[in-house]
Amino acid sequence: MINWLHTHHFVGLLIGFATFLIIGIFHPLVIKGYYYFGLKCRWYFLILGLIMVVVSLFSHSHFISILAGVTAFSCFWSIKEVKEQKGRVERGWFPKNPRSK
């Protein structure tokens, strides 16, 4: 049994699972980000995305580099989703922050 664990590489499955989690985390981040910050949160996603690009480019670990790249592009995709979230709030699909302008 132990030899089987050492001969099979689970990195692909780990990356797939981590990607699934990262994408799943960004969905509520977009919703909450728009609720509390409005369209300004796009800047936070852009900054975090650029930081993750740098981490991905300069990481010595393939695993960390891949996860940073997935996080970077999830941030970039979230910029688009924030604008779409604005439309969803306007249509009444999501609650509007009563303290927003």
Protein backbone atom coordinates (compact mmCIF):
# COMPACT_ATOMS: atom_id res chain seq x y z
CA MET A 1 0.00 0.00 0.00
CA ILE A 2 2.75 2.48 0.91
CA ASN A 3 4.65 1.73 -2.31
CA TRP A 4 1.50 2.51 -4.28
CA LEU A 5 1.22 5.92 -2.59
CA HIS A 6 4.81 6.76 -3.42
CA THR A 7 4.58 5.72 -7.06
CA HIS A 8 1.42 7.68 -7.89
CA HIS A 9 1.52 11.42 -8.07
CA PHE A 10 -1.45 13.27 -6.70
CA VAL A 11 -0.29 16.75 -7.66
CA GLY A 12 -2.80 17.00 -10.50
CA LEU A 13 -5.66 16.10 -8.19
CA LEU A 14 -4.42 18.53 -5.53
CA ILE A 15 -4.20 21.34 -8.08
CA GLY A 16 -7.66 20.50 -9.39
CA PHE A 17 -9.12 20.51 -5.90
CA ALA A 18 -7.34 23.76 -4.98
CA THR A 19 -8.58 25.38 -8.20
CA PHE A 20 -12.10 24.31 -7.35
CA LEU A 21 -11.75 25.88 -3.89
CA ILE A 22 -10.22 29.10 -5.21
CA ILE A 23 -13.00 29.61 -7.75
CA GLY A 24 -15.58 28.75 -5.10
CA ILE A 25 -14.11 31.33 -2.72
CA PHE A 26 -14.16 34.11 -5.29
CA HIS A 27 -17.91 33.84 -5.90
CA PRO A 28 -18.86 35.11 -2.41
CA LEU A 29 -15.92 37.55 -2.47
CA VAL A 30 -17.45 39.27 -5.50
CA ILE A 31 -20.87 39.43 -3.84
CA LYS A 32 -19.56 40.75 -0.52
CA GLY A 33 -17.02 43.02 -2.19
CA TYR A 34 -19.70 44.74 -4.25
CA TYR A 35 -22.05 44.92 -1.26
CA TYR A 36 -19.53 46.68 0.97
CA PHE A 37 -17.32 48.57 -1.51
CA GLY A 38 -19.34 48.90 -4.73
CA LEU A 39 -17.41 49.09 -7.97
CA LYS A 40 -14.27 50.19 -6.06
CA CYS A 41 -13.57 46.57 -5.15
CA ARG A 42 -12.47 45.98 -8.75
CA TRP A 43 -9.23 47.78 -7.83
CA TYR A 44 -8.64 45.36 -4.96
CA PHE A 45 -9.09 42.41 -7.31
CA LEU A 46 -6.71 44.01 -9.82
CA ILE A 47 -4.02 44.65 -7.20
CA LEU A 48 -4.32 41.15 -5.73
CA GLY A 49 -4.26 39.67 -9.24
CA LEU A 50 -1.07 41.53 -10.13
CA ILE A 51 0.56 40.44 -6.86
CA MET A 52 -0.36 36.83 -7.63
CA VAL A 53 1.13 37.18 -11.14
CA VAL A 54 4.43 38.24 -9.57
CA VAL A 55 4.25 35.36 -7.05
CA SER A 56 3.56 32.94 -9.89
CA LEU A 57 6.45 34.20 -11.99
CA PHE A 58 9.02 34.17 -9.20
CA SER A 59 7.99 31.09 -7.22
CA HIS A 60 10.46 28.21 -7.19
CA SER A 61 7.71 25.68 -6.56
CA HIS A 62 5.60 24.54 -9.50
CA PHE A 63 2.69 23.88 -7.16
CA ILE A 64 2.75 27.40 -5.65
CA SER A 65 3.29 28.96 -9.08
CA ILE A 66 0.25 27.18 -10.52
CA LEU A 67 -2.00 28.07 -7.58
CA ALA A 68 -0.84 31.71 -7.69
CA GLY A 69 -1.62 31.79 -11.42
CA VAL A 70 -5.09 30.34 -10.84
CA THR A 71 -5.68 32.91 -8.10
CA ALA A 72 -4.43 35.74 -10.36
CA PHE A 73 -6.81 34.89 -13.17
CA SER A 74 -9.66 34.34 -10.72
CA CYS A 75 -9.02 37.91 -9.54
CA PHE A 76 -9.02 39.21 -13.10
CA TRP A 77 -12.26 37.37 -13.85
CA SER A 78 -13.76 38.84 -10.67
CA ILE A 79 -13.24 42.35 -12.04
CA LYS A 80 -15.73 41.50 -14.78
CA GLU A 81 -18.04 39.76 -12.33
CA VAL A 82 -18.23 42.83 -10.08
CA LYS A 83 -19.74 44.82 -12.94
CA GLU A 84 -22.19 42.01 -13.58
CA GLN A 85 -22.97 41.90 -9.86
CA LYS A 86 -24.02 45.54 -10.13
CA GLY A 87 -26.60 44.52 -12.72
CA ARG A 88 -27.81 41.63 -10.58
CA VAL A 89 -28.31 43.99 -7.64
CA GLU A 90 -30.18 46.48 -9.85
CA ARG A 91 -32.50 43.67 -11.03
CA GLY A 92 -33.17 42.76 -7.40
CA TRP A 93 -31.50 39.35 -7.48
CA PHE A 94 -29.16 40.34 -4.64
CA PRO A 95 -29.69 42.78 -1.76
CA LYS A 96 -28.43 46.34 -2.04
CA ASN A 97 -26.39 47.76 0.80
CA PRO A 98 -28.68 50.35 2.40
CA ARG A 99 -25.67 52.49 3.36
CA SER A 100 -24.41 52.76 -0.23
CA LYS A 101 -24.99 55.89 -2.27
